[in-house]
Protein backbone atom coordinates (compact mmCIF):
# COMPACT_ATOMS: atom_id res chain seq x y z
CA MET A 1 -44.96 129.80 -25.57
CA ASN A 2 -41.62 128.60 -26.81
CA LYS A 3 -41.12 126.65 -23.62
CA THR A 4 -44.54 125.04 -24.09
CA LYS A 5 -43.72 124.09 -27.69
CA LYS A 6 -40.39 122.63 -26.64
CA LEU A 7 -42.06 120.62 -23.88
CA VAL A 8 -44.69 119.29 -26.26
CA SER A 9 -42.01 118.45 -28.81
CA LEU A 10 -39.97 116.60 -26.20
CA LEU A 11 -43.06 114.67 -25.10
CA LEU A 12 -43.85 113.71 -28.69
CA VAL A 13 -40.28 112.56 -29.26
CA ALA A 14 -40.41 110.54 -26.06
CA LEU A 15 -43.70 108.95 -27.05
CA PHE A 16 -42.34 108.17 -30.51
CA MET A 17 -39.22 106.54 -29.06
CA ALA A 18 -41.26 104.60 -26.55
CA SER A 19 -43.57 103.35 -29.26
CA CYS A 20 -40.56 102.34 -31.36
CA VAL A 21 -39.17 100.38 -28.42
CA CYS A 22 -42.51 98.67 -27.86
CA VAL A 23 -42.92 97.80 -31.52
CA LEU A 24 -39.32 96.61 -31.70
CA GLY A 25 -39.90 94.53 -28.60
CA LEU A 26 -43.02 92.98 -30.09
CA ASP A 27 -41.17 92.26 -33.32
CA LEU A 28 -38.31 90.67 -31.36
CA ASP A 29 -40.82 88.53 -29.50
CA ARG A 30 -42.38 87.40 -32.77
CA PHE A 31 -38.92 86.72 -34.18
CA ALA A 32 -38.05 84.69 -31.11
CA LEU A 33 -41.28 82.70 -31.40
CA ALA A 34 -40.51 82.02 -35.04
CA GLU A 35 -37.02 80.75 -34.21
CA THR A 36 -37.77 78.81 -31.01
CA GLN A 37 -40.37 76.05 -30.82
CA THR A 38 -40.90 72.97 -28.66
CA VAL A 39 -41.98 69.55 -29.88
CA ASP A 40 -43.18 66.70 -27.63
CA VAL A 41 -42.85 63.05 -28.60
CA TYR A 42 -44.50 60.29 -26.53
CA ALA A 43 -44.04 56.53 -26.95
CA ILE A 44 -45.42 53.26 -25.62
CA ASN A 45 -43.89 49.81 -26.05
CA ASP A 46 -44.48 46.12 -25.31
CA PHE A 47 -48.11 46.58 -24.29
CA HIS A 48 -48.74 42.84 -24.78
CA GLY A 49 -52.51 43.05 -24.83
CA ALA A 50 -52.87 44.86 -21.49
CA VAL A 51 -56.38 46.05 -22.28
CA ASP A 52 -57.03 47.04 -18.66
CA LYS A 53 -54.53 49.90 -18.95
CA MET A 54 -55.50 50.99 -22.45
CA PRO A 55 -58.39 53.40 -21.63
CA ARG A 56 -56.31 55.59 -19.36
CA VAL A 57 -53.23 55.47 -21.58
CA ALA A 58 -55.35 56.28 -24.64
CA GLY A 59 -57.03 59.19 -22.87
CA TYR A 60 -53.66 60.58 -21.82
CA LEU A 61 -52.10 60.23 -25.27
CA ALA A 62 -55.15 61.73 -26.98
CA ALA A 63 -54.90 64.79 -24.72
CA ARG A 64 -51.21 65.19 -25.60
CA LYS A 65 -52.05 64.71 -29.27
CA ALA A 66 -54.55 67.58 -29.04
CA GLU A 67 -51.70 69.75 -27.74
CA GLY A 68 -49.64 68.95 -30.85
CA ALA A 69 -47.57 65.99 -29.63
CA ILE A 70 -46.39 63.07 -31.79
CA ILE A 71 -47.37 59.59 -30.53
CA LEU A 72 -45.26 56.49 -31.23
CA ASN A 73 -45.68 52.77 -30.59
CA SER A 74 -42.50 50.67 -30.57
CA GLY A 75 -44.02 47.22 -30.99
CA ASP A 76 -45.31 44.05 -29.31
CA MET A 77 -48.67 45.72 -28.85
CA PHE A 78 -51.14 42.86 -29.23
CA GLN A 79 -49.82 39.45 -28.18
CA GLY A 80 -50.36 38.62 -24.52
CA SER A 81 -54.00 38.38 -23.42
CA MET A 82 -57.12 36.58 -24.52
CA GLU A 83 -58.92 39.93 -24.80
CA SER A 84 -56.45 41.03 -27.49
CA ASN A 85 -55.43 37.71 -29.05
CA SER A 86 -59.01 36.60 -29.70
CA ASN A 87 -59.37 39.33 -32.34
CA TYR A 88 -55.76 39.15 -33.61
CA GLY A 89 -54.91 42.69 -32.54
CA LYS A 90 -57.89 44.51 -34.08
CA LEU A 91 -59.25 45.70 -30.73
CA LEU A 92 -56.04 47.42 -29.65
CA THR A 93 -55.51 48.78 -33.15
CA ASP A 94 -58.91 50.49 -32.89
CA CYS A 95 -57.90 51.79 -29.47
CA MET A 96 -54.64 53.18 -30.89
CA LYS A 97 -56.58 55.08 -33.55
CA GLU A 98 -58.71 56.71 -30.84
CA ALA A 99 -55.54 57.63 -28.95
CA GLY A 100 -54.06 59.34 -32.00
CA VAL A 101 -51.05 57.03 -32.39
CA ASP A 102 -49.03 58.21 -35.40
CA GLU A 103 -47.12 55.01 -36.18
CA MET A 104 -46.73 51.40 -35.14
CA THR A 105 -43.28 49.79 -35.31
CA TYR A 106 -43.25 46.04 -35.79
CA GLY A 107 -42.15 43.94 -32.83
CA ASN A 108 -41.33 40.25 -33.02
CA HIS A 109 -44.70 39.21 -31.57
CA GLU A 110 -46.62 41.06 -34.25
CA PHE A 111 -45.61 38.14 -36.49
CA ASP A 112 -47.10 35.43 -34.27
CA TRP A 113 -50.24 35.05 -36.39
CA GLY A 114 -48.49 34.96 -39.75
CA LEU A 115 -47.78 37.46 -42.52
CA ASP A 116 -51.23 37.37 -44.14
CA ASN A 117 -52.95 38.39 -40.92
CA LEU A 118 -50.35 41.08 -40.36
CA ARG A 119 -50.78 42.54 -43.84
CA ASN A 120 -54.52 42.63 -43.37
CA LEU A 121 -54.18 44.34 -39.98
CA ALA A 122 -51.73 46.93 -41.29
CA GLU A 123 -53.76 47.68 -44.42
CA ASN A 124 -56.98 48.26 -42.49
CA SER A 125 -55.59 49.99 -39.40
CA GLY A 126 -55.34 53.54 -40.69
CA ILE A 127 -51.96 53.69 -38.92
CA PRO A 128 -48.58 53.37 -40.72
CA PHE A 129 -46.77 50.18 -39.69
CA LEU A 130 -43.00 50.75 -39.78
CA GLY A 131 -40.11 48.36 -40.32
CA ALA A 132 -37.34 49.99 -42.34
CA ASN A 133 -35.04 46.97 -42.07
CA ILE A 134 -37.61 44.29 -43.02
CA TYR A 135 -36.59 42.81 -46.37
CA ASN A 136 -37.78 39.91 -48.49
CA TRP A 137 -35.85 36.67 -48.10
CA ASN A 138 -35.58 33.73 -50.50
CA PRO A 139 -35.20 30.54 -48.44
CA ASP A 140 -34.23 28.48 -51.49
CA THR A 141 -31.34 30.68 -52.63
CA ARG A 142 -30.76 31.99 -49.08
CA SER A 143 -30.50 35.53 -50.42
CA TRP A 144 -32.02 38.95 -49.78
CA GLY A 145 -34.65 40.53 -51.96
CA GLY A 146 -35.94 44.09 -51.88
CA PHE A 147 -37.57 46.05 -49.08
CA ALA A 148 -40.84 44.42 -47.93
CA ASP A 149 -42.99 47.39 -48.93
CA ASP A 150 -46.14 45.25 -49.00
CA LEU A 151 -45.73 44.86 -45.26
CA ALA A 152 -44.12 48.02 -43.91
CA ASP A 153 -43.15 51.65 -44.43
CA LYS A 154 -39.65 52.90 -43.66
CA TYR A 155 -40.56 56.16 -41.96
CA ILE A 156 -43.20 58.82 -41.49
CA ILE A 157 -42.93 62.63 -41.49
CA LYS A 158 -45.06 64.71 -39.14
CA GLU A 159 -45.35 68.50 -38.99
CA VAL A 160 -45.74 70.38 -35.72
CA GLY A 161 -46.22 74.04 -36.50
CA ASN A 162 -43.45 74.80 -38.98
CA ILE A 163 -41.24 71.97 -37.65
CA LYS A 164 -40.89 68.71 -39.58
CA VAL A 165 -40.23 65.54 -37.60
CA GLY A 166 -39.10 62.29 -39.23
CA VAL A 167 -39.72 58.96 -37.47
CA ILE A 168 -37.78 55.85 -38.53
CA GLY A 169 -39.10 52.44 -37.41
CA VAL A 170 -36.83 49.38 -37.09
CA ILE A 171 -36.73 45.96 -35.43
CA GLY A 172 -33.65 44.19 -34.06
CA ASP A 173 -32.04 41.99 -36.71
CA ASP A 174 -31.57 39.02 -34.38
CA GLN A 175 -35.25 38.99 -33.46
CA ILE A 176 -35.94 36.78 -36.44
CA THR A 177 -34.89 34.05 -33.98
CA SER A 178 -37.70 35.08 -31.58
CA ILE A 179 -40.42 34.15 -34.08
CA CYS A 180 -41.61 30.68 -35.10
CA SER A 181 -39.43 30.23 -38.16
CA GLN A 182 -42.15 28.74 -40.35
CA LEU A 183 -44.09 32.03 -40.05
CA VAL A 184 -41.30 34.21 -41.50
CA GLN A 185 -39.67 32.10 -44.19
CA THR A 186 -40.03 34.84 -46.82
CA ILE A 187 -38.78 37.86 -44.84
CA GLY A 188 -35.80 38.80 -42.68
CA PHE A 189 -34.46 41.70 -40.63
CA LYS A 190 -31.26 43.48 -41.69
CA ASP A 191 -28.84 45.26 -39.33
CA PRO A 192 -30.80 48.41 -38.37
CA LEU A 193 -27.84 50.75 -37.62
CA PRO A 194 -26.66 51.52 -41.19
CA ILE A 195 -30.27 51.76 -42.34
CA ILE A 196 -31.07 54.28 -39.59
CA LYS A 197 -28.09 56.43 -40.59
CA GLU A 198 -28.96 56.28 -44.28
CA LEU A 199 -32.61 57.19 -43.73
CA ALA A 200 -31.79 59.92 -41.20
CA THR A 201 -29.53 61.55 -43.80
CA GLU A 202 -32.33 61.32 -46.36
CA LEU A 203 -34.87 62.81 -43.96
CA ARG A 204 -32.67 65.80 -43.13
CA ASN A 205 -31.15 66.53 -46.53
CA GLU A 206 -33.92 65.57 -48.90
CA GLN A 207 -37.10 65.79 -46.82
CA GLY A 208 -36.12 68.86 -44.80
CA CYS A 209 -36.77 67.35 -41.39
CA ASP A 210 -35.68 69.42 -38.38
CA ILE A 211 -35.91 66.52 -35.92
CA VAL A 212 -35.33 62.79 -36.56
CA VAL A 213 -36.22 60.12 -34.01
CA VAL A 214 -36.07 56.33 -34.03
CA SER A 215 -38.83 53.99 -32.89
CA ALA A 216 -36.97 50.70 -32.40
CA HIS A 217 -38.22 47.34 -31.23
CA ASP A 218 -34.84 46.57 -29.77
CA GLY A 219 -32.75 47.27 -26.69
CA PRO A 220 -30.38 50.29 -26.74
CA GLN A 221 -27.20 48.24 -26.71
CA ASP A 222 -28.29 46.01 -29.56
CA ILE A 223 -29.19 48.98 -31.77
CA VAL A 224 -25.70 50.46 -31.59
CA ASP A 225 -23.52 47.35 -31.64
CA GLY A 226 -25.69 44.33 -32.46
CA SER A 227 -24.75 42.56 -29.24
CA GLY A 228 -28.28 41.41 -28.46
CA GLY A 229 -30.73 43.39 -26.33
CA THR A 230 -29.42 43.95 -22.82
CA TYR A 231 -30.73 45.70 -19.75
CA ASP A 232 -27.57 47.75 -19.36
CA GLU A 233 -26.74 51.29 -20.37
CA PRO A 234 -25.11 51.35 -23.84
CA THR A 235 -21.34 51.66 -23.79
CA THR A 236 -21.30 53.39 -27.19
CA THR A 237 -23.59 55.36 -29.45
CA ALA A 238 -21.82 54.36 -32.69
CA ASP A 239 -21.93 58.03 -33.74
CA LEU A 240 -25.73 57.83 -33.82
CA GLU A 241 -26.07 61.23 -32.12
CA ASN A 242 -24.85 62.83 -35.35
CA TYR A 243 -27.82 61.36 -37.23
CA VAL A 244 -30.85 61.25 -34.93
CA ASP A 245 -32.13 63.20 -31.95
CA ALA A 246 -33.70 60.44 -29.79
CA VAL A 247 -34.16 56.66 -29.74
CA PHE A 248 -37.32 55.09 -28.28
CA CYS A 249 -36.54 51.45 -27.47
CA ALA A 250 -38.47 48.26 -26.67
CA HIS A 251 -38.26 44.45 -26.42
CA THR A 252 -36.17 44.05 -23.24
CA HIS A 253 -39.11 44.99 -20.96
CA SER A 254 -36.96 47.33 -18.89
CA GLN A 255 -37.38 50.90 -17.79
CA GLN A 256 -34.53 52.83 -19.41
CA ASN A 257 -33.77 56.54 -19.54
CA TYR A 258 -30.20 57.27 -20.66
CA LEU A 259 -28.60 60.39 -22.10
CA ILE A 260 -25.35 59.46 -23.84
CA ASN A 261 -23.39 62.04 -25.85
CA GLY A 262 -26.52 64.16 -25.78
CA LEU A 263 -28.65 61.36 -27.31
CA PRO A 264 -31.58 60.07 -25.19
CA PHE A 265 -32.44 56.34 -25.17
CA LEU A 266 -35.78 55.58 -23.52
CA GLN A 267 -37.86 52.45 -22.90
CA GLY A 268 -41.08 52.36 -20.87
CA LYS A 269 -40.80 48.84 -19.46
CA SER A 270 -43.91 46.83 -20.57
CA TYR A 271 -47.65 46.18 -20.15
CA GLY A 272 -48.47 49.90 -20.19
CA ASN A 273 -46.57 50.61 -16.98
CA TYR A 274 -44.83 53.70 -18.40
CA VAL A 275 -45.15 56.22 -21.19
CA SER A 276 -41.85 57.57 -22.53
CA HIS A 277 -41.55 61.30 -23.31
CA VAL A 278 -38.94 63.62 -24.83
CA LYS A 279 -39.42 67.39 -25.15
CA PHE A 280 -37.36 68.95 -27.95
CA CYS A 281 -36.56 72.59 -28.54
CA ILE A 282 -35.62 74.04 -31.93
CA ASP A 283 -33.52 77.15 -31.32
CA ASN A 284 -32.01 78.91 -34.36
CA GLY A 285 -32.04 75.60 -36.23
CA ASN A 286 -30.38 73.68 -33.38
CA VAL A 287 -32.14 70.79 -31.62
CA ARG A 288 -31.93 70.74 -27.84
CA ILE A 289 -33.34 68.22 -25.38
CA LEU A 290 -35.35 70.06 -22.73
CA SER A 291 -36.44 66.91 -20.87
CA HIS A 292 -36.60 63.13 -21.17
CA GLU A 293 -38.59 60.89 -18.85
CA ASN A 294 -40.67 57.76 -18.33
CA ILE A 295 -44.05 58.63 -16.85
CA SER A 296 -45.67 56.03 -14.61
CA TYR A 297 -49.12 54.78 -15.56
CA TYR A 298 -50.35 55.95 -12.17
CA SER A 299 -49.10 59.48 -12.87
CA LEU A 300 -51.03 59.88 -16.11
CA THR A 301 -53.26 62.88 -15.41
CA ASN A 302 -55.03 65.47 -17.54
CA VAL A 303 -56.59 62.83 -19.78
CA ASP A 304 -59.18 63.22 -22.52
CA GLN A 305 -62.14 61.70 -20.70
CA SER A 306 -64.23 61.28 -23.84
CA VAL A 307 -61.49 59.19 -25.49
CA GLN A 308 -60.97 57.19 -22.30
CA ASP A 309 -64.70 56.40 -22.16
CA LYS A 310 -64.85 55.51 -25.86
CA VAL A 311 -61.89 53.14 -25.58
CA GLN A 312 -63.43 51.52 -22.49
CA THR A 313 -66.63 50.96 -24.47
CA LEU A 314 -64.68 49.34 -27.32
CA ILE A 315 -63.04 46.99 -24.83
CA ASP A 316 -66.27 46.19 -22.96
CA ASN A 317 -68.11 45.36 -26.19
CA SER A 318 -65.26 43.13 -27.36
CA ASN A 319 -64.99 41.36 -24.01
CA ALA A 320 -68.73 40.71 -23.90
CA ARG A 321 -68.36 38.47 -26.95
CA ILE A 322 -65.86 36.18 -25.19
CA ALA A 323 -67.12 36.53 -21.60
CA GLU A 324 -68.31 32.94 -21.15
CA GLU A 325 -65.09 31.44 -22.50
CA ARG A 326 -62.71 33.81 -20.70
CA ASN A 327 -64.44 33.39 -17.32
CA GLU A 328 -64.64 29.59 -17.38
CA VAL A 329 -62.98 28.11 -14.27
CA LEU A 330 -60.73 25.31 -15.47
CA ALA A 331 -59.25 24.04 -12.22
CA ASN A 332 -58.18 24.90 -8.72
CA LEU A 333 -54.47 25.05 -7.88
CA SER A 334 -53.31 24.10 -4.41
CA GLY A 335 -50.50 26.66 -4.70
CA GLY A 336 -49.17 29.28 -7.07
CA LEU A 337 -46.89 28.53 -10.02
CA THR A 338 -44.18 30.93 -11.16
CA SER A 339 -43.72 31.62 -14.84
CA LYS A 340 -40.18 30.53 -15.64
CA GLU A 341 -40.14 26.79 -14.95
CA GLU A 342 -43.13 25.67 -12.93
CA ILE A 343 -45.94 26.49 -15.35
CA PRO A 344 -44.06 24.86 -18.27
CA ARG A 345 -43.84 21.65 -16.24
CA LEU A 346 -47.63 21.65 -15.98
CA VAL A 347 -47.92 22.41 -19.69
CA SER A 348 -45.48 19.68 -20.71
CA HIS A 349 -47.39 17.25 -18.44
CA ALA A 350 -50.60 18.10 -20.31
CA ILE A 351 -48.89 17.67 -23.68
CA ALA A 352 -47.38 14.32 -22.66
CA ASN A 353 -50.79 13.04 -21.54
CA TYR A 354 -52.48 14.11 -24.76
CA ALA A 355 -49.73 12.62 -26.92
CA GLN A 356 -50.08 9.29 -25.12
CA TYR A 357 -53.87 9.46 -25.26
CA SER A 358 -53.51 10.04 -29.02
CA GLY A 359 -51.52 6.82 -29.31
CA TYR A 360 -47.95 8.10 -29.51
CA ASP A 361 -45.32 6.30 -27.42
CA ILE A 362 -43.21 9.35 -26.52
CA ASP A 363 -40.18 9.58 -24.27
CA VAL A 364 -40.55 13.20 -23.19
CA ALA A 365 -42.58 16.39 -23.80
CA ILE A 366 -40.67 19.68 -23.99
CA VAL A 367 -41.80 23.34 -23.84
CA ASN A 368 -40.18 26.69 -23.11
CA GLU A 369 -40.89 29.24 -20.37
CA ALA A 370 -44.23 30.90 -19.65
CA ARG A 371 -44.90 34.65 -19.65
CA ASN A 372 -46.89 35.24 -16.43
CA PRO A 373 -47.45 33.31 -13.17
CA LEU A 374 -50.54 31.37 -12.17
CA PRO A 375 -51.86 32.22 -8.69
CA ALA A 376 -53.20 29.68 -6.21
CA GLY A 377 -56.94 29.04 -6.30
CA ASP A 378 -59.38 28.97 -9.19
CA ILE A 379 -57.82 29.38 -12.62
CA THR A 380 -59.91 30.80 -15.44
CA TYR A 381 -59.14 30.42 -19.12
CA SER A 382 -58.26 34.13 -19.26
CA THR A 383 -55.67 33.64 -16.51
CA LEU A 384 -54.19 30.64 -18.30
CA TYR A 385 -54.13 32.70 -21.51
CA GLU A 386 -51.97 35.38 -19.89
CA ALA A 387 -49.55 32.73 -18.63
CA ILE A 388 -49.15 31.04 -22.03
CA PRO A 389 -50.58 33.48 -24.61
CA PHE A 390 -48.96 32.00 -27.70
CA ASP A 391 -50.54 29.75 -30.31
CA ASN A 392 -47.71 27.22 -30.50
CA GLU A 393 -48.59 23.92 -32.12
CA VAL A 394 -47.23 20.66 -30.73
CA TYR A 395 -45.38 18.20 -32.95
CA ILE A 396 -44.32 14.58 -32.55
CA ALA A 397 -40.72 14.33 -33.74
CA ARG A 398 -37.81 11.92 -33.70
CA ILE A 399 -34.81 13.67 -32.13
CA SER A 400 -31.33 12.50 -31.16
CA GLY A 401 -30.47 12.13 -27.50
CA LYS A 402 -27.57 14.51 -28.07
CA ASP A 403 -29.91 17.31 -29.20
CA ILE A 404 -32.34 16.65 -26.36
CA ILE A 405 -29.65 16.74 -23.66
CA ASN A 406 -28.03 19.82 -25.17
CA GLU A 407 -31.28 21.80 -25.40
CA MET A 408 -32.41 20.89 -21.89
CA ARG A 409 -29.23 22.49 -20.57
CA TYR A 410 -30.63 25.82 -21.78
CA GLY A 411 -33.49 25.79 -19.31
CA GLN A 412 -36.40 24.28 -21.23
CA SER A 413 -38.98 22.39 -19.19
CA MET A 414 -40.18 18.82 -19.64
CA TRP A 415 -42.40 15.98 -18.53
CA ARG A 416 -40.71 12.62 -18.95
CA THR A 417 -42.83 9.59 -19.80
CA SER A 418 -40.20 6.90 -20.46
CA GLU A 419 -38.21 5.30 -17.68
CA ARG A 420 -35.32 4.44 -20.00
CA ALA A 421 -32.26 6.65 -20.13
CA ILE A 422 -31.89 9.19 -22.91
CA LYS A 423 -28.30 8.81 -24.04
CA ASN A 424 -26.16 11.74 -25.13
CA THR A 425 -25.60 10.12 -28.52
CA ASN A 426 -27.13 10.06 -31.99
CA ASP A 427 -29.70 7.47 -30.87
CA TYR A 428 -33.22 8.72 -31.62
CA TYR A 429 -36.14 9.26 -29.24
CA THR A 430 -39.77 10.25 -29.75
CA VAL A 431 -40.54 13.72 -28.42
CA ALA A 432 -43.63 15.93 -28.20
CA VAL A 433 -42.36 19.50 -28.58
CA ILE A 434 -43.79 22.93 -29.41
CA ASP A 435 -43.15 24.31 -32.88
CA TYR A 436 -41.13 27.34 -31.69
CA LEU A 437 -38.45 25.03 -30.29
CA LEU A 438 -38.64 22.32 -32.95
CA PHE A 439 -38.37 24.68 -35.93
CA HIS A 440 -36.12 27.26 -34.26
CA GLN A 441 -33.51 28.79 -36.55
CA ASN A 442 -30.52 30.99 -35.82
CA SER A 443 -29.85 34.33 -37.52
CA LYS A 444 -28.27 32.41 -40.44
CA ARG A 445 -31.59 30.60 -40.89
CA ASN A 446 -30.24 27.17 -39.89
CA TYR A 447 -32.12 24.83 -37.52
CA ASN A 448 -30.15 25.07 -34.33
CA TYR A 449 -32.16 23.59 -31.43
CA PHE A 450 -33.15 20.15 -32.78
CA PRO A 451 -31.42 19.81 -36.16
CA SER A 452 -31.52 16.01 -35.95
CA ALA A 453 -35.32 16.15 -36.30
CA PHE A 454 -34.89 17.04 -39.98
CA ASN A 455 -32.34 14.51 -41.17
CA ASN A 456 -33.62 11.13 -39.98
CA GLY A 457 -36.37 10.45 -42.52
CA PHE A 458 -39.21 10.99 -40.03
CA GLU A 459 -41.36 14.02 -40.82
CA PRO A 460 -42.68 15.74 -37.66
CA ILE A 461 -46.42 15.19 -37.11
CA PRO A 462 -48.66 17.85 -35.52
CA LEU A 463 -50.94 16.83 -32.66
CA THR A 464 -54.50 17.51 -33.80
CA LYS A 465 -58.07 17.50 -32.60
CA ASN A 466 -61.20 17.16 -34.72
CA GLY A 467 -62.99 20.46 -35.26
CA VAL A 468 -60.00 22.58 -34.22
CA ASP A 469 -57.84 24.21 -36.89
CA VAL A 470 -54.78 24.56 -34.66
CA TYR A 471 -54.85 22.58 -31.43
CA ASN A 472 -52.15 24.65 -29.73
CA TYR A 473 -50.41 23.96 -26.42
CA ARG A 474 -52.67 26.34 -24.51
CA LEU A 475 -55.81 24.52 -25.68
CA ILE A 476 -54.21 21.19 -24.77
CA THR A 477 -53.45 22.51 -21.29
CA ARG A 478 -56.97 23.90 -20.95
CA ASP A 479 -58.54 20.55 -21.84
CA PHE A 480 -56.13 18.71 -19.55
CA LEU A 481 -57.18 20.87 -16.59
CA ARG A 482 -60.83 20.40 -17.53
CA SER A 483 -60.46 16.65 -17.79
CA ILE A 484 -58.82 15.96 -14.43
CA ASN A 485 -61.42 18.17 -12.68
CA VAL A 486 -59.71 18.20 -9.27
CA THR A 487 -57.66 20.55 -7.12
CA VAL A 488 -54.26 20.22 -8.75
CA ASP A 489 -51.37 19.42 -6.42
CA THR A 490 -48.84 22.01 -7.59
CA THR A 491 -45.96 20.35 -5.73
CA LEU A 492 -45.76 18.11 -8.83
CA TYR A 493 -44.41 21.17 -10.64
CA THR A 494 -42.73 23.20 -7.92
CA ASN A 495 -40.49 20.33 -6.80
CA PHE A 496 -38.06 18.44 -9.03
CA SER A 497 -38.95 14.83 -9.75
CA ALA A 498 -37.73 12.11 -12.09
CA ARG A 499 -40.27 13.41 -14.59
CA THR A 500 -39.13 17.05 -14.50
CA ASP A 501 -35.43 17.01 -13.55
CA ALA A 502 -33.41 17.39 -16.75
CA SER A 503 -30.19 16.41 -14.97
CA ARG A 504 -31.57 12.88 -14.60
CA LEU A 505 -32.43 12.36 -18.27
CA GLU A 506 -29.32 10.32 -18.90
CA SER A 507 -30.23 7.86 -16.15
CA SER A 508 -32.87 5.15 -16.01
CA VAL A 509 -35.58 5.97 -13.47
CA LEU A 510 -38.63 4.41 -11.84
CA PHE A 511 -41.90 6.31 -11.98
CA ASP A 512 -44.84 6.27 -9.65
CA ASP A 513 -48.16 6.16 -11.45
CA ASP A 514 -49.06 9.44 -13.14
CA PRO A 515 -51.53 11.07 -10.71
CA TYR A 516 -53.47 12.78 -13.49
CA LYS A 517 -54.51 10.85 -16.56
CA TRP A 518 -56.15 12.51 -19.55
CA ILE A 519 -59.89 11.88 -19.38
CA PRO A 520 -61.37 13.27 -22.61
CA VAL A 521 -64.25 15.67 -22.21
CA ASN A 522 -65.73 14.22 -25.39
CA ASN A 523 -64.30 10.96 -26.73
CA GLY A 524 -65.59 11.74 -30.21
CA ASP A 525 -63.69 15.03 -30.16
CA ASN A 526 -60.28 13.50 -30.58
CA GLY A 527 -58.45 13.23 -33.89
CA HIS A 528 -56.66 9.96 -33.05
CA ILE A 529 -57.67 6.76 -31.30
CA ASN A 530 -54.93 4.36 -30.26
CA GLY A 531 -52.57 6.20 -32.54
CA LEU A 532 -54.67 5.71 -35.70
CA PRO A 533 -55.80 8.69 -37.75
CA ASP A 534 -59.47 9.06 -38.66
CA TYR A 535 -59.08 7.83 -42.25
CA ALA A 536 -57.49 4.59 -40.98
CA ILE A 537 -60.37 4.02 -38.58
CA ALA A 538 -62.81 4.59 -41.43
CA LEU A 539 -61.01 2.01 -43.56
CA ILE A 540 -61.13 -0.50 -40.71
CA VAL A 541 -64.86 0.04 -40.29
CA VAL A 542 -65.49 -0.32 -44.04
CA GLY A 543 -63.35 -3.45 -44.10
CA ALA A 544 -65.26 -4.96 -41.20
CA VAL A 545 -68.58 -4.27 -42.92
CA LEU A 546 -67.35 -5.91 -46.14
CA ILE A 547 -66.15 -8.98 -44.24
CA VAL A 548 -69.50 -9.35 -42.47
CA ALA A 549 -71.32 -8.91 -45.78
CA ALA A 550 -69.12 -11.57 -47.41
CA ILE A 551 -69.84 -14.02 -44.58
CA VAL A 552 -73.58 -13.44 -44.95
CA VAL A 553 -73.40 -14.03 -48.71
CA ILE A 554 -71.44 -17.27 -48.20
CA ILE A 555 -74.00 -18.55 -45.64
CA VAL A 556 -76.91 -17.73 -47.97
CA VAL A 557 -75.22 -19.49 -50.90
CA LEU A 558 -74.47 -22.59 -48.81
CA CYS A 559 -78.04 -22.77 -47.54
CA LYS A 560 -79.46 -22.58 -51.07
CA ARG A 561 -77.03 -25.27 -52.28
CA LYS A 562 -78.05 -27.54 -49.39
CA LYS A 563 -81.73 -27.17 -50.29
CA ARG A 564 -81.03 -28.11 -53.92
CA VAL A 565 -79.10 -31.21 -52.86
CA GLY A 566 -81.96 -32.27 -50.55
CA SER A 567 -84.55 -31.98 -53.30
CA ASN A 568 -82.58 -34.38 -55.53
CA ILE A 569 -82.68 -37.24 -53.02
């Protein structure tokens, strides 16, 4: 009996100890779960209106969002295609909302349609637009004002479980030079590095954030040392690893995945080709990087199909409204044109023709590089849009030969119309040039490409067309291709000639006849005839009518006088 009691007692003790171990183990597991948690952050950048990739990307991001991930956008989302530009970014903003994007950092091309449009887009997007280093600027006193809080937020805070994540959004300070200066006269971009450090300290110490990341529309090297965005791995972190836990980059259109002093710098190239991803682990209050990668568009699996379908429907409905215009075949090209120099030669040719047709005796037309190539064969307006997606106006200006020669050395493209030499002096010449180049300012806000255009007493004149608010260089090129209505010989633009070779500007040349003359689609559509504006033509017509009326009155008076004289005889 005693043995039985002892055995039972031993069994009870054993069971009690076992249960204690199990409970302790469960408690330890719960403790471990409470102290260790993972957080995923995904980012896209420089999408540039690539609506064809948006449904799949949105479906992928939405699925990650449902798993608790944070979704970032590091800028230059909208500008780049007719499908996106035609609605000034609203379509892709709606797509971002479906994807669950948590913030949108301003890129330089977000400013291409002006501040009013940008404010309206940001206010109605339902997504915070970030730009912690965007400050007001007074062009008269050339001094800084306060933070541009009517345009941007400095950061957002997201909670994943019991983890708080702060996201700071900035743009490269020198990118003010990548925007048409007349669009950003009242704002500027300060050096982002000290602002990042200041805000990161605030987020950790005052807001209680466990993780701080940066969404930067800038290259890694430029963020840490202000050297200008490069494609190379940063040579320093400027102690940034002691402030933030990851930097998602943009602007240089490169695929970057660096880990320097424990700090990851990532950039997912452009046009939706990659999605950047960092997985963080919080372990006893310490942040560790478990993985960092750029995921190829073609490897995006496990998507939210309902979001993908909804985004595709948004795009299809938007595209249906512009289908006729986007699918119009403008011309046939005998060969393909690359983006850097050859397309701009075609564009400058179109501008030169329209300037001459409008009555301006110009010496040369000048534009900068294109974004995408034009293939051989039929060219639609949508294809042309992707090659030159910007809304740059064209101006007639008087510019010194010195400025022209100097700027052409930097790789701009031209179509020369005057056979006389352009001298490298302060002699002035008449030029048709896009606004980005004409009004370009450096980071000190001084005109630095064609400064002579603003000190010779001649105010630059925009090229216009009746019924069109802004007759930009893309529309001019479109109408030029429409007007010539032939298969375009692309050797005019792939081979150097006296019209396109900048090294020959300083020499007199002889031109063959221009093979393609501007033939207006509608003569009444043009804002100038023989160089005279519409109001001048109206005055001439009124004057002619008055002269004819005066002649009629004189004849009537003379006839009556003659009759009176005859009756007296």
